[in-house]
Amino acid sequence: MITTIFYVIISVILISLISLIGAFTISIKIDKLKKFLIYLVSFSAGALFGGAFLHLLPELAEYGLSFRMSCFILVGIVLFFAIEKIVQWNHCHMPITKTHVHSFAYMNLIGDGVHNFVDGLIIAASYLINIPTGIATTIAVALHEIPQEIGDFGILLHGGFSRIKALSLNFLSGLVAVLGAVVGLFLSRYIENIELIIVPIAIGGFIYIAGSDLIPELHKHYGIKEGILQLIAFIVGILVMAGLLFLGS
């Protein structure tokens, strides 16, 4: 159990540090950043699908797929839909000024904090199944977090925060993942097989994020060459998660 706790804490700390990635994009021109990000989004979509269908679902199958687990997968889809709505609520349309911070920036922080808390729970639960599944889940979460955190940093800047404050608040929001992991580990002491509740929710969340958020974003970009490169990045994301299966062999 001590080894599991060590892996969980290291993993969520690494996930939290991803929130600082916005600092490395400040000097990059927005047009170049967008061109790069779209392929990273495609790659992370493949990784999330791969994580859900190649790692988490097969592990659940060993316990026997049941109607109850199917319900928890649906709960995951509904939960992440609700988190997304939290981010979207209360957007204001006042002109941006140096002294006014838009409410959508605060709502984005709240929504991102909730999301990160759930990520922490998911990572903890996946390690409770076994370490290879935990590592694969952490990588899938990390690959999704990179484009998301860059986007969140941009939203905070657009919402009126200074670069330093945006970076600091984004990092604090990222640290909520550590709290989620601690809560997950704590609850595992009192709720038997809690991973059989959280992991199906994670599957639903991965499917929702990849299918509802990332893929529609890819469809906004046209062109044969761009589409082929997106497809390649998507398949590579799946193959990377497939390659991680050898960790458990």
Protein backbone atom coordinates (compact mmCIF):
# COMPACT_ATOMS: atom_id res chain seq x y z
CA MET A 1 0.00 0.00 0.00
CA ILE A 2 2.92 2.35 0.76
CA THR A 3 4.22 1.84 -2.80
CA THR A 4 0.76 2.64 -4.19
CA ILE A 5 0.53 5.83 -2.13
CA PHE A 6 3.98 6.88 -3.35
CA TYR A 7 2.99 6.39 -7.00
CA VAL A 8 -0.30 8.23 -6.48
CA ILE A 9 1.27 11.29 -4.83
CA ILE A 10 4.10 11.55 -7.39
CA SER A 11 1.60 11.20 -10.25
CA VAL A 12 -0.79 13.92 -9.03
CA ILE A 13 2.10 16.29 -8.28
CA LEU A 14 3.32 15.83 -11.87
CA ILE A 15 -0.24 16.44 -13.13
CA SER A 16 -0.41 19.61 -11.02
CA LEU A 17 2.89 20.89 -12.44
CA ILE A 18 1.41 20.71 -15.95
CA SER A 19 -0.67 23.77 -14.99
CA LEU A 20 2.56 25.81 -15.23
CA ILE A 21 3.01 24.95 -18.91
CA GLY A 22 1.36 28.23 -19.87
CA ALA A 23 4.58 30.01 -18.89
CA PHE A 24 6.40 28.28 -21.76
CA THR A 25 3.87 29.48 -24.35
CA ILE A 26 4.10 33.21 -23.62
CA SER A 27 6.81 33.82 -26.23
CA ILE A 28 5.12 31.67 -28.91
CA LYS A 29 3.03 33.49 -31.48
CA ILE A 30 -0.64 32.57 -31.18
CA ASP A 31 -0.91 31.37 -34.81
CA LYS A 32 1.98 28.92 -34.40
CA LEU A 33 0.61 27.77 -31.05
CA LYS A 34 -2.82 27.02 -32.54
CA LYS A 35 -1.30 24.99 -35.39
CA PHE A 36 0.67 22.89 -32.91
CA LEU A 37 -2.14 22.51 -30.38
CA ILE A 38 -4.65 21.04 -32.83
CA TYR A 39 -2.43 17.99 -33.36
CA LEU A 40 -1.83 17.70 -29.63
CA VAL A 41 -5.60 17.77 -29.14
CA SER A 42 -5.95 14.97 -31.71
CA PHE A 43 -3.21 12.97 -30.00
CA SER A 44 -4.79 13.40 -26.56
CA ALA A 45 -8.21 12.36 -27.91
CA GLY A 46 -6.70 9.08 -29.09
CA ALA A 47 -4.91 8.66 -25.76
CA LEU A 48 -8.14 9.17 -23.78
CA PHE A 49 -10.03 6.64 -25.90
CA GLY A 50 -7.08 4.26 -25.60
CA GLY A 51 -6.95 4.73 -21.84
CA ALA A 52 -10.68 4.07 -21.48
CA PHE A 53 -10.98 1.07 -23.83
CA LEU A 54 -7.53 -0.55 -23.58
CA HIS A 55 -6.73 -0.09 -19.89
CA LEU A 56 -9.65 0.83 -17.63
CA LEU A 57 -12.45 -1.16 -19.28
CA PRO A 58 -10.47 -4.44 -19.52
CA GLU A 59 -9.50 -4.10 -15.84
CA LEU A 60 -13.17 -3.68 -14.92
CA ALA A 61 -14.05 -6.71 -17.05
CA GLU A 62 -11.94 -8.86 -14.73
CA TYR A 63 -14.45 -8.06 -11.97
CA GLY A 64 -17.36 -8.78 -14.31
CA LEU A 65 -19.09 -6.03 -16.27
CA SER A 66 -22.47 -5.39 -14.70
CA PHE A 67 -25.47 -3.12 -15.07
CA ARG A 68 -24.19 -1.23 -12.00
CA MET A 69 -20.86 -0.50 -13.68
CA SER A 70 -22.63 0.64 -16.84
CA CYS A 71 -24.63 3.07 -14.70
CA PHE A 72 -21.42 4.46 -13.19
CA ILE A 73 -19.98 4.97 -16.70
CA LEU A 74 -23.08 7.01 -17.52
CA VAL A 75 -22.65 8.89 -14.23
CA GLY A 76 -19.15 9.79 -15.42
CA ILE A 77 -20.51 11.19 -18.69
CA VAL A 78 -23.15 13.23 -16.82
CA LEU A 79 -20.59 14.44 -14.24
CA PHE A 80 -18.17 15.76 -16.84
CA PHE A 81 -21.05 17.33 -18.76
CA ALA A 82 -21.98 19.15 -15.53
CA ILE A 83 -18.38 20.27 -14.96
CA GLU A 84 -18.26 21.69 -18.47
CA LYS A 85 -21.49 23.58 -17.85
CA ILE A 86 -20.01 25.10 -14.67
CA VAL A 87 -17.21 26.53 -16.78
CA GLN A 88 -19.66 27.91 -19.34
CA TRP A 89 -22.08 29.53 -16.86
CA ASN A 90 -21.99 33.24 -15.96
CA HIS A 91 -19.94 34.39 -18.92
CA CYS A 92 -20.12 38.15 -19.15
CA HIS A 93 -19.66 40.32 -22.18
CA MET A 94 -18.29 43.54 -20.71
CA PRO A 95 -15.35 45.17 -22.51
CA ILE A 96 -12.05 43.87 -21.15
CA THR A 97 -10.14 46.41 -19.05
CA LYS A 98 -7.04 46.22 -16.91
CA THR A 99 -9.08 46.59 -13.71
CA HIS A 100 -11.99 44.33 -14.50
CA VAL A 101 -11.70 40.56 -14.18
CA HIS A 102 -14.49 38.76 -16.00
CA SER A 103 -16.68 36.34 -14.08
CA PHE A 104 -16.00 33.63 -16.67
CA ALA A 105 -12.35 33.64 -15.56
CA TYR A 106 -13.38 32.81 -11.99
CA MET A 107 -15.88 30.23 -13.21
CA ASN A 108 -13.16 28.65 -15.32
CA LEU A 109 -10.99 28.34 -12.21
CA ILE A 110 -13.84 26.73 -10.26
CA GLY A 111 -14.66 24.32 -13.07
CA ASP A 112 -10.99 23.47 -13.59
CA GLY A 113 -10.57 22.90 -9.85
CA VAL A 114 -13.51 20.47 -9.80
CA HIS A 115 -12.09 18.75 -12.87
CA ASN A 116 -8.66 18.43 -11.27
CA PHE A 117 -10.19 17.06 -8.06
CA VAL A 118 -11.92 14.36 -10.08
CA ASP A 119 -8.65 13.67 -11.93
CA GLY A 120 -6.98 13.09 -8.56
CA LEU A 121 -9.73 10.67 -7.52
CA ILE A 122 -9.42 8.83 -10.84
CA ILE A 123 -5.63 8.49 -10.60
CA ALA A 124 -5.84 7.21 -7.01
CA ALA A 125 -8.54 4.68 -7.93
CA SER A 126 -6.61 3.42 -10.96
CA TYR A 127 -3.53 2.76 -8.83
CA LEU A 128 -5.71 0.85 -6.37
CA ILE A 129 -6.40 -1.60 -9.22
CA ASN A 130 -2.71 -1.99 -10.06
CA ILE A 131 0.34 0.16 -10.75
CA PRO A 132 0.46 -0.31 -14.59
CA THR A 133 -3.18 0.82 -14.85
CA GLY A 134 -2.37 3.81 -12.64
CA ILE A 135 0.59 4.80 -14.81
CA ALA A 136 -1.46 4.46 -18.02
CA THR A 137 -4.28 6.54 -16.52
CA THR A 138 -1.84 9.21 -15.34
CA ILE A 139 -0.34 9.48 -18.83
CA ALA A 140 -3.80 9.71 -20.43
CA VAL A 141 -4.78 12.47 -17.99
CA ALA A 142 -1.46 14.29 -18.54
CA LEU A 143 -1.78 14.24 -22.33
CA HIS A 144 -5.25 15.76 -22.03
CA GLU A 145 -4.15 18.32 -19.43
CA ILE A 146 -1.38 19.84 -21.58
CA PRO A 147 -3.65 21.48 -24.22
CA GLN A 148 -6.34 22.13 -21.60
CA GLU A 149 -3.98 23.99 -19.25
CA ILE A 150 -2.59 26.08 -22.09
CA GLY A 151 -6.19 26.97 -22.97
CA ASP A 152 -7.07 27.72 -19.34
CA PHE A 153 -4.04 30.02 -19.03
CA GLY A 154 -5.22 31.87 -22.13
CA ILE A 155 -8.75 32.19 -20.72
CA LEU A 156 -7.44 33.70 -17.49
CA LEU A 157 -5.34 36.22 -19.42
CA HIS A 158 -8.32 37.04 -21.63
CA GLY A 159 -10.46 37.40 -18.52
CA GLY A 160 -8.31 40.20 -17.11
CA PHE A 161 -5.70 38.51 -14.89
CA SER A 162 -2.03 39.45 -15.13
CA ARG A 163 0.35 36.76 -16.43
CA ILE A 164 1.81 36.09 -12.96
CA LYS A 165 -1.59 35.92 -11.27
CA ALA A 166 -3.02 33.74 -14.04
CA LEU A 167 -0.11 31.33 -13.73
CA SER A 168 -0.35 31.26 -9.92
CA LEU A 169 -4.11 30.69 -9.83
CA ASN A 170 -3.88 28.04 -12.53
CA PHE A 171 -1.23 26.23 -10.47
CA LEU A 172 -3.38 26.41 -7.31
CA SER A 173 -6.26 24.97 -9.31
CA GLY A 174 -3.95 22.18 -10.49
CA LEU A 175 -2.98 21.34 -6.91
CA VAL A 176 -6.59 20.38 -6.22
CA ALA A 177 -5.70 17.09 -7.96
CA VAL A 178 -3.51 16.27 -4.95
CA LEU A 179 -6.51 16.82 -2.67
CA GLY A 180 -8.62 14.56 -4.89
CA ALA A 181 -6.00 11.81 -4.68
CA VAL A 182 -5.75 12.09 -0.88
CA VAL A 183 -9.53 11.92 -0.56
CA GLY A 184 -9.60 8.87 -2.86
CA LEU A 185 -6.96 7.08 -0.79
CA PHE A 186 -8.72 8.02 2.45
CA LEU A 187 -12.11 6.77 1.24
CA SER A 188 -10.55 3.50 0.08
CA ARG A 189 -9.92 2.67 3.74
CA TYR A 190 -13.63 2.87 4.53
CA ILE A 191 -15.36 2.00 1.26
CA GLU A 192 -14.48 -1.46 0.02
CA ASN A 193 -13.54 -1.65 -3.68
CA ILE A 194 -14.10 2.09 -4.18
CA GLU A 195 -12.10 1.78 -7.40
CA LEU A 196 -15.05 -0.15 -8.87
CA ILE A 197 -17.09 3.03 -8.48
CA ILE A 198 -14.52 5.66 -9.49
CA VAL A 199 -12.95 3.83 -12.44
CA PRO A 200 -16.24 3.40 -14.37
CA ILE A 201 -16.88 7.12 -13.75
CA ALA A 202 -13.40 7.78 -15.17
CA ILE A 203 -14.25 5.76 -18.27
CA GLY A 204 -17.36 7.86 -18.81
CA GLY A 205 -15.33 11.03 -18.29
CA PHE A 206 -12.62 9.99 -20.74
CA ILE A 207 -15.20 9.08 -23.39
CA TYR A 208 -17.09 12.34 -22.86
CA ILE A 209 -14.00 14.57 -23.03
CA ALA A 210 -12.61 12.86 -26.12
CA GLY A 211 -15.92 12.51 -27.94
CA SER A 212 -17.70 15.71 -26.93
CA ASP A 213 -14.88 18.23 -26.49
CA LEU A 214 -11.81 17.19 -28.45
CA ILE A 215 -13.12 15.55 -31.63
CA PRO A 216 -15.65 18.35 -32.38
CA GLU A 217 -12.74 20.80 -32.05
CA LEU A 218 -10.84 18.82 -34.68
CA HIS A 219 -13.79 19.01 -37.08
CA LYS A 220 -13.52 22.81 -37.06
CA HIS A 221 -10.27 22.53 -39.03
CA TYR A 222 -10.55 21.63 -42.70
CA GLY A 223 -8.08 20.53 -45.35
CA ILE A 224 -6.94 17.13 -46.58
CA LYS A 225 -3.36 17.48 -45.32
CA GLU A 226 -4.48 18.76 -41.92
CA GLY A 227 -7.10 16.03 -41.63
CA ILE A 228 -4.57 13.29 -42.45
CA LEU A 229 -2.12 14.65 -39.86
CA GLN A 230 -4.91 14.79 -37.28
CA LEU A 231 -5.83 11.19 -38.03
CA ILE A 232 -2.20 10.11 -37.69
CA ALA A 233 -1.89 11.95 -34.35
CA PHE A 234 -5.16 10.37 -33.17
CA ILE A 235 -3.98 6.85 -34.06
CA VAL A 236 -0.56 7.48 -32.48
CA GLY A 237 -2.35 8.48 -29.27
CA ILE A 238 -4.17 5.14 -29.26
CA LEU A 239 -0.97 3.24 -30.10
CA VAL A 240 0.92 4.90 -27.25
CA MET A 241 -1.72 3.69 -24.80
CA ALA A 242 -1.61 0.23 -26.42
CA GLY A 243 2.18 0.21 -25.98
CA LEU A 244 1.76 0.90 -22.27
CA LEU A 245 0.02 -2.47 -21.93
CA PHE A 246 3.50 -4.02 -21.99
CA LEU A 247 4.12 -2.39 -18.59
CA GLY A 248 1.86 -4.99 -17.08
CA SER A 249 3.26 -7.94 -19.00
